[in-house]
Protein backbone atom coordinates (compact mmCIF):
# COMPACT_ATOMS: atom_id res chain seq x y z
CA MET A 1 5.47 -11.38 -0.59
CA SER A 2 5.04 -14.74 1.08
CA ALA A 3 7.81 -17.32 1.46
CA ALA A 4 6.06 -19.47 -1.13
CA GLU A 5 6.28 -16.63 -3.67
CA TYR A 6 9.98 -15.94 -3.03
CA THR A 7 12.33 -16.83 -5.85
CA ALA A 8 15.98 -17.10 -4.91
CA PRO A 9 18.44 -15.14 -7.04
CA ARG A 10 19.91 -17.10 -9.93
CA MET A 11 23.17 -18.71 -9.00
CA GLY A 12 25.47 -20.63 -11.24
CA ASN A 13 26.83 -23.96 -10.16
CA LEU A 14 30.31 -23.93 -8.67
CA SER A 15 30.92 -27.44 -10.06
CA ASP A 16 30.53 -26.06 -13.58
CA LYS A 17 33.32 -23.55 -13.00
CA PRO A 18 37.06 -24.06 -13.55
CA GLU A 19 39.19 -24.88 -10.52
CA LEU A 20 40.61 -21.34 -10.61
CA MET A 21 38.14 -18.60 -11.41
CA ASN A 22 38.28 -14.92 -12.27
CA THR A 23 35.93 -12.21 -11.01
CA ALA A 24 33.40 -12.81 -13.78
CA ASP A 25 33.25 -16.56 -13.03
CA ALA A 26 32.77 -15.92 -9.30
CA ALA A 27 30.08 -13.31 -9.95
CA ASP A 28 28.21 -15.76 -12.19
CA ALA A 29 28.55 -18.58 -9.65
CA PHE A 30 27.04 -16.45 -6.87
CA GLY A 31 24.52 -14.56 -8.98
CA VAL A 32 25.94 -11.15 -8.07
CA SER A 33 27.75 -8.42 -9.98
CA GLU A 34 31.50 -8.32 -10.50
CA LYS A 35 31.45 -5.08 -8.49
CA THR A 36 30.01 -6.98 -5.51
CA ILE A 37 32.70 -9.67 -5.82
CA ARG A 38 35.43 -6.99 -5.89
CA ARG A 39 33.90 -5.30 -2.82
CA TRP A 40 33.83 -8.65 -0.98
CA CYS A 41 37.52 -9.09 -1.87
CA GLU A 42 38.47 -5.61 -0.72
CA THR A 43 36.72 -6.14 2.64
CA GLY A 44 38.20 -9.62 3.08
CA GLU A 45 34.77 -11.25 3.06
CA ILE A 46 35.47 -13.83 0.35
CA PRO A 47 38.56 -16.06 0.02
CA HIS A 48 40.75 -14.99 -2.89
CA THR A 49 44.29 -14.43 -4.10
CA LYS A 50 45.42 -11.35 -5.94
CA VAL A 51 47.63 -11.85 -8.99
CA GLY A 52 48.78 -8.47 -10.18
CA ARG A 53 45.59 -6.42 -10.27
CA ALA A 54 43.30 -9.43 -10.77
CA PHE A 55 41.42 -11.38 -8.12
CA VAL A 56 41.66 -15.17 -8.46
CA PHE A 57 39.35 -17.62 -6.69
CA ASP A 58 39.83 -21.30 -5.89
CA ARG A 59 36.57 -23.19 -6.49
CA ASN A 60 37.11 -25.50 -3.51
CA LEU A 61 37.77 -22.60 -1.13
CA LEU A 62 34.63 -20.84 -2.37
CA ARG A 63 32.57 -24.01 -1.81
CA ALA A 64 33.90 -24.29 1.76
CA TRP A 65 33.21 -20.58 2.36
CA LEU A 66 29.67 -20.92 1.04
CA ASP A 67 29.04 -24.05 3.15
CA GLU A 68 30.27 -22.22 6.27
CA ARG A 69 28.06 -19.20 5.57
CA PHE A 70 25.07 -21.48 5.02
CA ALA A 71 25.70 -23.31 8.30
CA GLN A 72 25.99 -19.99 10.17
CA SER A 73 22.76 -18.78 8.60
CA MET A 74 20.94 -21.98 9.55
CA ALA A 75 22.22 -21.71 13.14
CA ARG A 76 21.00 -18.09 13.40
CA THR A 77 17.61 -19.10 12.00
CA ALA A 78 17.29 -22.01 14.43
CA LYS A 79 18.24 -19.74 17.34
CA ALA A 80 15.74 -17.07 16.26
CA ASP A 81 13.03 -19.73 15.94
CA GLY A 82 13.84 -21.10 19.42
CA LEU A 83 14.96 -24.44 18.00
CA GLU A 84 18.47 -24.33 19.36
CA GLY A 85 19.02 -26.55 22.39
């Protein structure tokens, strides 16, 4: 498959989500399963708070987390392509 043929996974829009989200909201926003979101929580990969047995996500913290991951990915790509100064 060429890069031109690649279709990114469907992701919801974080701006369309409530300020505080549950696991289902976060899964929809990132286009992954609820099981993946729970695994990310259990490994400390994604910012969250636990209320009782439920994971709760702050939309603004998730946006910052996503922006940071994107920047790290772009830096790795630039380094691999020899574009880093």
